[in-house]
Structure formats: C-alpha cells, structure tokens
Amino acid sequence: ATTYAESVEGRFTISADSAKKTVYLQMNRLQPEDTAVYYCYADGRR
C-alpha cells in the first residue's frame, strides 16, 4: 500500500525490496517546487 502527496501523484513512484529492507523513490518530471531536503523514515515493531 502506497501513499503520495497530491503534488507528486503521477510523477513519483515508491517501491520496496522487503528482503533487503530497502525502499526506492523514483522521481520523474521534477519541478522546482520539489526542491527540498528528503528525509527517509521507517517504523515498525521489534
């Protein structure tokens, strides 16, 4: 299940490799408004 900000819907695609505990964010058709510091986040349970 994925969630996107309205402003990036259709341009960004998030995916995951669960075995590697890795997530990818493909960002296409980038706009000046996308300029930002991007912080990776994770949550779950021990």
All heavy atoms as atom14 arrays in JSON, in Angstrom:
{
  "sequence": "ATTYAESVEGRFTISADSAKKTVYLQMNRLQPEDTAVYYCYADGRR",
  "atom14_mask": [
    [1, 1, 1, 1, 1, 0, 0, 0, 0, 0, 0, 0, 0, 0],
    [1, 1, 1, 1, 1, 1, 1, 0, 0, 0, 0, 0, 0, 0],
    [1, 1, 1, 1, 1, 1, 1, 0, 0, 0, 0, 0, 0, 0],
    [1, 1, 1, 1, 1, 1, 1, 1, 1, 1, 1, 1, 0, 0],
    [1, 1, 1, 1, 1, 0, 0, 0, 0, 0, 0, 0, 0, 0],
    [1, 1, 1, 1, 1, 1, 1, 1, 1, 0, 0, 0, 0, 0],
    [1, 1, 1, 1, 1, 1, 0, 0, 0, 0, 0, 0, 0, 0],
    [1, 1, 1, 1, 1, 1, 1, 0, 0, 0, 0, 0, 0, 0],
    [1, 1, 1, 1, 1, 1, 1, 1, 1, 0, 0, 0, 0, 0],
    [1, 1, 1, 1, 0, 0, 0, 0, 0, 0, 0, 0, 0, 0],
    [1, 1, 1, 1, 1, 1, 1, 1, 1, 1, 1, 0, 0, 0],
    [1, 1, 1, 1, 1, 1, 1, 1, 1, 1, 1, 0, 0, 0],
    [1, 1, 1, 1, 1, 1, 1, 0, 0, 0, 0, 0, 0, 0],
    [1, 1, 1, 1, 1, 1, 1, 1, 0, 0, 0, 0, 0, 0],
    [1, 1, 1, 1, 1, 1, 0, 0, 0, 0, 0, 0, 0, 0],
    [1, 1, 1, 1, 1, 0, 0, 0, 0, 0, 0, 0, 0, 0],
    [1, 1, 1, 1, 1, 1, 1, 1, 0, 0, 0, 0, 0, 0],
    [1, 1, 1, 1, 1, 1, 0, 0, 0, 0, 0, 0, 0, 0],
    [1, 1, 1, 1, 1, 0, 0, 0, 0, 0, 0, 0, 0, 0],
    [1, 1, 1, 1, 1, 1, 1, 1, 1, 0, 0, 0, 0, 0],
    [1, 1, 1, 1, 1, 1, 1, 1, 1, 0, 0, 0, 0, 0],
    [1, 1, 1, 1, 1, 1, 1, 0, 0, 0, 0, 0, 0, 0],
    [1, 1, 1, 1, 1, 1, 1, 0, 0, 0, 0, 0, 0, 0],
    [1, 1, 1, 1, 1, 1, 1, 1, 1, 1, 1, 1, 0, 0],
    [1, 1, 1, 1, 1, 1, 1, 1, 0, 0, 0, 0, 0, 0],
    [1, 1, 1, 1, 1, 1, 1, 1, 1, 0, 0, 0, 0, 0],
    [1, 1, 1, 1, 1, 1, 1, 1, 0, 0, 0, 0, 0, 0],
    [1, 1, 1, 1, 1, 1, 1, 1, 0, 0, 0, 0, 0, 0],
    [1, 1, 1, 1, 1, 1, 1, 1, 1, 1, 1, 0, 0, 0],
    [1, 1, 1, 1, 1, 1, 1, 1, 0, 0, 0, 0, 0, 0],
    [1, 1, 1, 1, 1, 1, 1, 1, 1, 0, 0, 0, 0, 0],
    [1, 1, 1, 1, 1, 1, 1, 0, 0, 0, 0, 0, 0, 0],
    [1, 1, 1, 1, 1, 1, 1, 1, 1, 0, 0, 0, 0, 0],
    [1, 1, 1, 1, 1, 1, 1, 1, 0, 0, 0, 0, 0, 0],
    [1, 1, 1, 1, 1, 1, 1, 0, 0, 0, 0, 0, 0, 0],
    [1, 1, 1, 1, 1, 0, 0, 0, 0, 0, 0, 0, 0, 0],
    [1, 1, 1, 1, 1, 1, 1, 0, 0, 0, 0, 0, 0, 0],
    [1, 1, 1, 1, 1, 1, 1, 1, 1, 1, 1, 1, 0, 0],
    [1, 1, 1, 1, 1, 1, 1, 1, 1, 1, 1, 1, 0, 0],
    [1, 1, 1, 1, 1, 1, 0, 0, 0, 0, 0, 0, 0, 0],
    [1, 1, 1, 1, 1, 1, 1, 1, 1, 1, 1, 1, 0, 0],
    [1, 1, 1, 1, 1, 0, 0, 0, 0, 0, 0, 0, 0, 0],
    [1, 1, 1, 1, 1, 1, 1, 1, 0, 0, 0, 0, 0, 0],
    [1, 1, 1, 1, 0, 0, 0, 0, 0, 0, 0, 0, 0, 0],
    [1, 1, 1, 1, 1, 1, 1, 1, 1, 1, 1, 0, 0, 0],
    [1, 1, 1, 1, 1, 1, 1, 1, 1, 1, 1, 0, 0, 0]
  ],
  "atom14_positions": [
    [[0.84, -1.19, 0.0], [0.0, 0.0, 0.0], [0.87, 1.23, 0.0], [1.81, 1.35, 0.79], [-0.92, 0.0, 1.22], [0.0, 0.0, 0.0], [0.0, 0.0, 0.0], [0.0, 0.0, 0.0], [0.0, 0.0, 0.0], [0.0, 0.0, 0.0], [0.0, 0.0, 0.0], [0.0, 0.0, 0.0], [0.0, 0.0, 0.0], [0.0, 0.0, 0.0]],
    [[0.57, 2.18, -0.87], [1.36, 3.4, -1.02], [0.53, 4.63, -0.74], [-0.7, 4.63, -0.91], [1.97, 3.5, -2.42], [0.91, 3.49, -3.4], [2.9, 2.33, -2.69], [0.0, 0.0, 0.0], [0.0, 0.0, 0.0], [0.0, 0.0, 0.0], [0.0, 0.0, 0.0], [0.0, 0.0, 0.0], [0.0, 0.0, 0.0], [0.0, 0.0, 0.0]],
    [[1.22, 5.67, -0.32], [0.6, 6.97, -0.09], [1.49, 8.03, -0.71], [2.71, 8.0, -0.53], [0.41, 7.25, 1.41], [-0.4, 6.23, 2.0], [-0.27, 8.61, 1.62], [0.0, 0.0, 0.0], [0.0, 0.0, 0.0], [0.0, 0.0, 0.0], [0.0, 0.0, 0.0], [0.0, 0.0, 0.0], [0.0, 0.0, 0.0], [0.0, 0.0, 0.0]],
    [[0.89, 8.97, -1.42], [1.63, 10.04, -2.07], [1.03, 11.39, -1.73], [-0.19, 11.53, -1.6], [1.61, 9.9, -3.59], [2.28, 8.67, -4.13], [1.55, 7.52, -4.4], [3.65, 8.65, -4.37], [2.17, 6.39, -4.9], [4.27, 7.53, -4.87], [3.53, 6.39, -5.14], [4.15, 5.28, -5.64], [0.0, 0.0, 0.0], [0.0, 0.0, 0.0]],
    [[1.91, 12.37, -1.62], [1.42, 13.74, -1.57], [0.72, 14.06, -2.88], [1.14, 13.61, -3.95], [2.57, 14.71, -1.34], [0.0, 0.0, 0.0], [0.0, 0.0, 0.0], [0.0, 0.0, 0.0], [0.0, 0.0, 0.0], [0.0, 0.0, 0.0], [0.0, 0.0, 0.0], [0.0, 0.0, 0.0], [0.0, 0.0, 0.0], [0.0, 0.0, 0.0]],
    [[-0.34, 14.85, -2.8], [-1.08, 15.2, -4.0], [-0.17, 15.83, -5.05], [-0.33, 15.59, -6.26], [-2.21, 16.15, -3.65], [-3.07, 16.56, -4.83], [-4.2, 17.48, -4.44], [-4.44, 17.65, -3.23], [-4.86, 18.04, -5.34], [0.0, 0.0, 0.0], [0.0, 0.0, 0.0], [0.0, 0.0, 0.0], [0.0, 0.0, 0.0], [0.0, 0.0, 0.0]],
    [[0.8, 16.61, -4.61], [1.65, 17.34, -5.53], [2.61, 16.45, -6.32], [3.16, 16.88, -7.33], [2.46, 18.4, -4.78], [3.24, 17.81, -3.76], [0.0, 0.0, 0.0], [0.0, 0.0, 0.0], [0.0, 0.0, 0.0], [0.0, 0.0, 0.0], [0.0, 0.0, 0.0], [0.0, 0.0, 0.0], [0.0, 0.0, 0.0], [0.0, 0.0, 0.0]],
    [[2.84, 15.21, -5.87], [3.75, 14.31, -6.57], [3.04, 13.14, -7.22], [3.68, 12.36, -7.95], [4.87, 13.78, -5.63], [5.52, 14.93, -4.88], [4.32, 12.74, -4.66], [0.0, 0.0, 0.0], [0.0, 0.0, 0.0], [0.0, 0.0, 0.0], [0.0, 0.0, 0.0], [0.0, 0.0, 0.0], [0.0, 0.0, 0.0], [0.0, 0.0, 0.0]],
    [[1.76, 13.0, -6.99], [0.99, 11.89, -7.55], [1.14, 11.87, -9.07], [0.97, 12.89, -9.75], [-0.48, 12.02, -7.17], [-1.36, 10.89, -7.68], [-1.11, 9.6, -6.94], [-1.03, 9.64, -5.68], [-0.98, 8.55, -7.6], [0.0, 0.0, 0.0], [0.0, 0.0, 0.0], [0.0, 0.0, 0.0], [0.0, 0.0, 0.0], [0.0, 0.0, 0.0]],
    [[1.48, 10.71, -9.6], [1.66, 10.55, -11.03], [3.07, 10.82, -11.51], [3.39, 10.47, -12.66], [0.0, 0.0, 0.0], [0.0, 0.0, 0.0], [0.0, 0.0, 0.0], [0.0, 0.0, 0.0], [0.0, 0.0, 0.0], [0.0, 0.0, 0.0], [0.0, 0.0, 0.0], [0.0, 0.0, 0.0], [0.0, 0.0, 0.0], [0.0, 0.0, 0.0]],
    [[3.89, 11.43, -10.68], [5.27, 11.71, -11.06], [6.27, 10.87, -10.26], [7.33, 10.52, -10.78], [5.59, 13.19, -10.87], [4.73, 14.12, -11.72], [5.2, 15.57, -11.63], [5.07, 16.09, -10.27], [6.09, 16.44, -9.49], [7.34, 16.34, -9.94], [5.87, 16.92, -8.28], [0.0, 0.0, 0.0], [0.0, 0.0, 0.0], [0.0, 0.0, 0.0]],
    [[5.94, 10.59, -9.01], [6.82, 9.8, -8.15], [6.26, 8.39, -8.01], [5.03, 8.2, -7.96], [6.93, 10.41, -6.76], [7.68, 11.72, -6.67], [8.04, 12.43, -7.8], [8.0, 12.23, -5.43], [8.72, 13.62, -7.71], [8.69, 13.43, -5.32], [9.05, 14.13, -6.46], [0.0, 0.0, 0.0], [0.0, 0.0, 0.0], [0.0, 0.0, 0.0]],
    [[7.16, 7.42, -7.9], [6.77, 6.05, -7.66], [7.64, 5.47, -6.56], [8.87, 5.48, -6.67], [6.9, 5.18, -8.92], [6.1, 5.72, -9.97], [6.45, 3.75, -8.63], [0.0, 0.0, 0.0], [0.0, 0.0, 0.0], [0.0, 0.0, 0.0], [0.0, 0.0, 0.0], [0.0, 0.0, 0.0], [0.0, 0.0, 0.0], [0.0, 0.0, 0.0]],
    [[7.01, 4.97, -5.51], [7.75, 4.36, -4.41], [7.6, 2.85, -4.51], [6.54, 2.33, -4.86], [7.27, 4.89, -3.05], [8.22, 4.45, -1.93], [5.83, 4.49, -2.75], [8.0, 5.18, -0.61], [0.0, 0.0, 0.0], [0.0, 0.0, 0.0], [0.0, 0.0, 0.0], [0.0, 0.0, 0.0], [0.0, 0.0, 0.0], [0.0, 0.0, 0.0]],
    [[8.68, 2.14, -4.21], [8.67, 0.69, -4.23], [9.58, 0.17, -3.14], [10.38, 0.92, -2.57], [9.12, 0.16, -5.6], [10.43, 0.58, -5.9], [0.0, 0.0, 0.0], [0.0, 0.0, 0.0], [0.0, 0.0, 0.0], [0.0, 0.0, 0.0], [0.0, 0.0, 0.0], [0.0, 0.0, 0.0], [0.0, 0.0, 0.0], [0.0, 0.0, 0.0]],
    [[9.46, -1.11, -2.83], [10.23, -1.7, -1.74], [10.76, -3.07, -2.11], [10.12, -3.83, -2.84], [9.38, -1.8, -0.48], [0.0, 0.0, 0.0], [0.0, 0.0, 0.0], [0.0, 0.0, 0.0], [0.0, 0.0, 0.0], [0.0, 0.0, 0.0], [0.0, 0.0, 0.0], [0.0, 0.0, 0.0], [0.0, 0.0, 0.0], [0.0, 0.0, 0.0]],
    [[11.94, -3.36, -1.61], [12.52, -4.69, -1.65], [12.54, -5.16, -0.21], [13.43, -4.81, 0.55], [13.92, -4.66, -2.25], [14.53, -6.04, -2.39], [14.18, -6.95, -1.62], [15.39, -6.21, -3.29], [0.0, 0.0, 0.0], [0.0, 0.0, 0.0], [0.0, 0.0, 0.0], [0.0, 0.0, 0.0], [0.0, 0.0, 0.0], [0.0, 0.0, 0.0]],
    [[11.55, -5.95, 0.17], [11.39, -6.32, 1.57], [12.56, -7.13, 2.1], [12.97, -6.97, 3.24], [10.08, -7.09, 1.75], [8.97, -6.28, 1.45], [0.0, 0.0, 0.0], [0.0, 0.0, 0.0], [0.0, 0.0, 0.0], [0.0, 0.0, 0.0], [0.0, 0.0, 0.0], [0.0, 0.0, 0.0], [0.0, 0.0, 0.0], [0.0, 0.0, 0.0]],
    [[13.1, -8.01, 1.26], [14.21, -8.85, 1.69], [15.42, -8.01, 2.07], [16.17, -8.36, 2.98], [14.57, -9.86, 0.62], [0.0, 0.0, 0.0], [0.0, 0.0, 0.0], [0.0, 0.0, 0.0], [0.0, 0.0, 0.0], [0.0, 0.0, 0.0], [0.0, 0.0, 0.0], [0.0, 0.0, 0.0], [0.0, 0.0, 0.0], [0.0, 0.0, 0.0]],
    [[15.63, -6.91, 1.35], [16.75, -6.03, 1.62], [16.4, -4.88, 2.55], [17.28, -4.08, 2.89], [17.3, -5.46, 0.31], [17.88, -6.5, -0.63], [18.44, -5.84, -1.88], [19.08, -6.86, -2.8], [19.64, -6.23, -4.02], [0.0, 0.0, 0.0], [0.0, 0.0, 0.0], [0.0, 0.0, 0.0], [0.0, 0.0, 0.0], [0.0, 0.0, 0.0]],
    [[15.15, -4.81, 2.97], [14.66, -3.7, 3.79], [15.04, -2.37, 3.16], [15.52, -1.45, 3.83], [15.18, -3.81, 5.22], [14.55, -4.94, 6.01], [15.04, -4.94, 7.44], [14.21, -5.86, 8.32], [14.17, -7.25, 7.84], [0.0, 0.0, 0.0], [0.0, 0.0, 0.0], [0.0, 0.0, 0.0], [0.0, 0.0, 0.0], [0.0, 0.0, 0.0]],
    [[14.82, -2.27, 1.87], [15.18, -1.1, 1.1], [13.95, -0.55, 0.39], [13.13, -1.3, -0.13], [16.26, -1.44, 0.07], [17.45, -1.87, 0.74], [16.6, -0.23, -0.79], [0.0, 0.0, 0.0], [0.0, 0.0, 0.0], [0.0, 0.0, 0.0], [0.0, 0.0, 0.0], [0.0, 0.0, 0.0], [0.0, 0.0, 0.0], [0.0, 0.0, 0.0]],
    [[13.86, 0.76, 0.37], [12.78, 1.44, -0.34], [13.4, 2.38, -1.36], [14.47, 2.96, -1.13], [11.85, 2.18, 0.64], [12.58, 3.3, 1.37], [10.62, 2.7, -0.07], [0.0, 0.0, 0.0], [0.0, 0.0, 0.0], [0.0, 0.0, 0.0], [0.0, 0.0, 0.0], [0.0, 0.0, 0.0], [0.0, 0.0, 0.0], [0.0, 0.0, 0.0]],
    [[12.73, 2.52, -2.5], [13.19, 3.36, -3.59], [12.11, 4.38, -3.94], [10.92, 4.07, -3.91], [13.5, 2.53, -4.84], [14.46, 1.4, -4.6], [13.99, 0.12, -4.28], [15.83, 1.59, -4.69], [14.86, -0.92, -4.06], [16.71, 0.55, -4.46], [16.22, -0.71, -4.15], [17.1, -1.75, -3.93], [0.0, 0.0, 0.0], [0.0, 0.0, 0.0]],
    [[12.55, 5.56, -4.28], [11.64, 6.59, -4.74], [12.12, 7.09, -6.09], [13.14, 7.79, -6.18], [11.56, 7.75, -3.74], [10.54, 8.84, -4.09], [9.13, 8.28, -4.06], [10.66, 10.01, -3.12], [0.0, 0.0, 0.0], [0.0, 0.0, 0.0], [0.0, 0.0, 0.0], [0.0, 0.0, 0.0], [0.0, 0.0, 0.0], [0.0, 0.0, 0.0]],
    [[11.4, 6.71, -7.13], [11.69, 7.18, -8.48], [10.94, 8.48, -8.69], [9.7, 8.51, -8.61], [11.26, 6.15, -9.52], [11.52, 6.57, -10.96], [12.99, 6.68, -11.28], [13.77, 5.82, -10.9], [13.36, 7.75, -11.96], [0.0, 0.0, 0.0], [0.0, 0.0, 0.0], [0.0, 0.0, 0.0], [0.0, 0.0, 0.0], [0.0, 0.0, 0.0]],
    [[11.67, 9.54, -8.95], [11.09, 10.87, -9.1], [11.28, 11.32, -10.54], [12.41, 11.55, -10.98], [11.75, 11.85, -8.13], [11.67, 11.42, -6.67], [12.37, 12.64, -5.53], [14.09, 12.54, -6.0], [0.0, 0.0, 0.0], [0.0, 0.0, 0.0], [0.0, 0.0, 0.0], [0.0, 0.0, 0.0], [0.0, 0.0, 0.0], [0.0, 0.0, 0.0]],
    [[10.18, 11.44, -11.25], [10.2, 11.86, -12.64], [9.54, 13.22, -12.81], [8.74, 13.64, -11.97], [9.48, 10.83, -13.52], [10.15, 9.48, -13.52], [11.36, 9.38, -13.42], [9.35, 8.42, -13.66], [0.0, 0.0, 0.0], [0.0, 0.0, 0.0], [0.0, 0.0, 0.0], [0.0, 0.0, 0.0], [0.0, 0.0, 0.0], [0.0, 0.0, 0.0]],
    [[9.86, 13.86, -13.92], [9.3, 15.17, -14.24], [9.39, 16.12, -13.05], [8.42, 16.76, -12.65], [7.86, 15.04, -14.73], [7.72, 14.14, -15.98], [6.34, 14.16, -16.58], [5.3, 13.75, -15.66], [5.03, 12.49, -15.36], [5.72, 11.5, -15.9], [4.04, 12.22, -14.51], [0.0, 0.0, 0.0], [0.0, 0.0, 0.0], [0.0, 0.0, 0.0]],
    [[10.59, 16.19, -12.51], [10.81, 17.01, -11.33], [10.58, 18.49, -11.64], [10.87, 18.96, -12.75], [12.22, 16.8, -10.8], [12.41, 15.48, -10.04], [13.88, 15.1, -9.98], [11.83, 15.6, -8.63], [0.0, 0.0, 0.0], [0.0, 0.0, 0.0], [0.0, 0.0, 0.0], [0.0, 0.0, 0.0], [0.0, 0.0, 0.0], [0.0, 0.0, 0.0]],
    [[10.06, 19.19, -10.67], [9.73, 20.59, -10.78], [10.51, 21.37, -9.73], [10.93, 20.81, -8.72], [8.23, 20.82, -10.57], [7.35, 20.02, -11.51], [5.88, 20.07, -11.11], [5.51, 20.75, -10.16], [5.05, 19.36, -11.85], [0.0, 0.0, 0.0], [0.0, 0.0, 0.0], [0.0, 0.0, 0.0], [0.0, 0.0, 0.0], [0.0, 0.0, 0.0]],
    [[10.7, 22.67, -9.95], [11.39, 23.47, -8.93], [10.75, 23.35, -7.55], [11.46, 23.41, -6.54], [11.29, 24.89, -9.47], [11.24, 24.71, -10.95], [10.44, 23.45, -11.16], [0.0, 0.0, 0.0], [0.0, 0.0, 0.0], [0.0, 0.0, 0.0], [0.0, 0.0, 0.0], [0.0, 0.0, 0.0], [0.0, 0.0, 0.0], [0.0, 0.0, 0.0]],
    [[9.44, 23.17, -7.5], [8.74, 23.04, -6.23], [9.09, 21.76, -5.49], [8.76, 21.63, -4.3], [7.22, 23.11, -6.46], [6.72, 24.47, -6.95], [7.04, 24.73, -8.42], [7.22, 23.76, -9.19], [7.12, 25.91, -8.81], [0.0, 0.0, 0.0], [0.0, 0.0, 0.0], [0.0, 0.0, 0.0], [0.0, 0.0, 0.0], [0.0, 0.0, 0.0]],
    [[9.73, 20.82, -6.15], [10.19, 19.6, -5.5], [11.5, 19.79, -4.75], [11.94, 18.88, -4.03], [10.35, 18.46, -6.51], [9.05, 18.08, -7.18], [8.03, 17.96, -6.47], [9.05, 17.89, -8.41], [0.0, 0.0, 0.0], [0.0, 0.0, 0.0], [0.0, 0.0, 0.0], [0.0, 0.0, 0.0], [0.0, 0.0, 0.0], [0.0, 0.0, 0.0]],
    [[12.14, 20.92, -4.94], [13.39, 21.19, -4.25], [13.17, 21.14, -2.75], [12.33, 21.85, -2.21], [13.95, 22.55, -4.66], [14.28, 22.54, -6.05], [15.19, 22.89, -3.85], [0.0, 0.0, 0.0], [0.0, 0.0, 0.0], [0.0, 0.0, 0.0], [0.0, 0.0, 0.0], [0.0, 0.0, 0.0], [0.0, 0.0, 0.0], [0.0, 0.0, 0.0]],
    [[13.93, 20.29, -2.08], [13.75, 20.09, -0.65], [14.82, 19.14, -0.13], [15.53, 18.5, -0.91], [12.36, 19.5, -0.35], [0.0, 0.0, 0.0], [0.0, 0.0, 0.0], [0.0, 0.0, 0.0], [0.0, 0.0, 0.0], [0.0, 0.0, 0.0], [0.0, 0.0, 0.0], [0.0, 0.0, 0.0], [0.0, 0.0, 0.0], [0.0, 0.0, 0.0]],
    [[14.89, 19.07, 1.18], [15.64, 18.0, 1.82], [14.68, 16.85, 2.05], [13.62, 17.04, 2.66], [16.28, 18.46, 3.14], [17.0, 17.3, 3.82], [17.25, 19.61, 2.88], [0.0, 0.0, 0.0], [0.0, 0.0, 0.0], [0.0, 0.0, 0.0], [0.0, 0.0, 0.0], [0.0, 0.0, 0.0], [0.0, 0.0, 0.0], [0.0, 0.0, 0.0]],
    [[15.03, 15.68, 1.58], [14.19, 14.5, 1.7], [14.74, 13.61, 2.81], [15.9, 13.21, 2.78], [14.16, 13.73, 0.38], [13.35, 14.4, -0.7], [13.77, 15.61, -1.25], [12.16, 13.85, -1.14], [13.02, 16.24, -2.22], [11.4, 14.47, -2.12], [11.83, 15.67, -2.65], [11.08, 16.29, -3.62], [0.0, 0.0, 0.0], [0.0, 0.0, 0.0]],
    [[13.88, 13.29, 3.78], [14.28, 12.51, 4.94], [13.64, 11.12, 4.87], [12.41, 11.0, 4.82], [13.84, 13.19, 6.23], [14.5, 14.52, 6.47], [13.9, 15.71, 6.06], [15.73, 14.6, 7.13], [14.51, 16.94, 6.29], [16.34, 15.82, 7.35], [15.72, 16.98, 6.93], [16.32, 18.2, 7.16], [0.0, 0.0, 0.0], [0.0, 0.0, 0.0]],
    [[14.46, 10.1, 4.89], [13.96, 8.74, 4.93], [13.36, 8.45, 6.31], [13.86, 8.91, 7.34], [15.09, 7.76, 4.64], [14.57, 6.03, 4.6], [0.0, 0.0, 0.0], [0.0, 0.0, 0.0], [0.0, 0.0, 0.0], [0.0, 0.0, 0.0], [0.0, 0.0, 0.0], [0.0, 0.0, 0.0], [0.0, 0.0, 0.0], [0.0, 0.0, 0.0]],
    [[12.27, 7.68, 6.31], [11.54, 7.36, 7.53], [11.18, 5.88, 7.54], [10.88, 5.31, 6.48], [10.26, 8.21, 7.61], [9.3, 7.77, 8.68], [9.42, 8.24, 9.97], [8.27, 6.87, 8.39], [8.53, 7.84, 10.96], [7.38, 6.47, 9.37], [7.51, 6.95, 10.65], [6.64, 6.55, 11.63], [0.0, 0.0, 0.0], [0.0, 0.0, 0.0]],
    [[11.19, 5.29, 8.72], [10.73, 3.91, 8.86], [10.14, 3.72, 10.24], [10.61, 4.29, 11.21], [11.87, 2.91, 8.64], [0.0, 0.0, 0.0], [0.0, 0.0, 0.0], [0.0, 0.0, 0.0], [0.0, 0.0, 0.0], [0.0, 0.0, 0.0], [0.0, 0.0, 0.0], [0.0, 0.0, 0.0], [0.0, 0.0, 0.0], [0.0, 0.0, 0.0]],
    [[9.1, 2.89, 10.32], [8.57, 2.49, 11.62], [8.15, 1.03, 11.58], [8.02, 0.43, 10.51], [7.45, 3.41, 12.11], [6.18, 3.35, 11.27], [5.83, 2.26, 10.75], [5.5, 4.39, 11.16], [0.0, 0.0, 0.0], [0.0, 0.0, 0.0], [0.0, 0.0, 0.0], [0.0, 0.0, 0.0], [0.0, 0.0, 0.0], [0.0, 0.0, 0.0]],
    [[7.96, 0.48, 12.75], [7.57, -0.91, 12.86], [7.75, -1.37, 14.29], [7.8, -0.57, 15.22], [0.0, 0.0, 0.0], [0.0, 0.0, 0.0], [0.0, 0.0, 0.0], [0.0, 0.0, 0.0], [0.0, 0.0, 0.0], [0.0, 0.0, 0.0], [0.0, 0.0, 0.0], [0.0, 0.0, 0.0], [0.0, 0.0, 0.0], [0.0, 0.0, 0.0]],
    [[7.84, -2.68, 14.45], [7.97, -3.26, 15.78], [9.16, -4.2, 15.85], [9.45, -4.92, 14.89], [6.7, -4.01, 16.17], [5.48, -3.11, 16.32], [4.28, -3.87, 16.84], [3.13, -2.98, 16.95], [2.88, -2.23, 18.01], [3.7, -2.26, 19.06], [1.82, -1.45, 18.03], [0.0, 0.0, 0.0], [0.0, 0.0, 0.0], [0.0, 0.0, 0.0]],
    [[9.82, -4.18, 16.98], [10.88, -5.15, 17.22], [10.28, -6.55, 17.26], [9.27, -6.79, 17.92], [11.61, -4.86, 18.53], [12.41, -3.58, 18.52], [13.18, -3.39, 19.81], [14.07, -4.52, 20.07], [15.08, -4.49, 20.93], [15.34, -3.37, 21.59], [15.83, -5.57, 21.13], [0.0, 0.0, 0.0], [0.0, 0.0, 0.0], [0.0, 0.0, 0.0]]
  ]
}
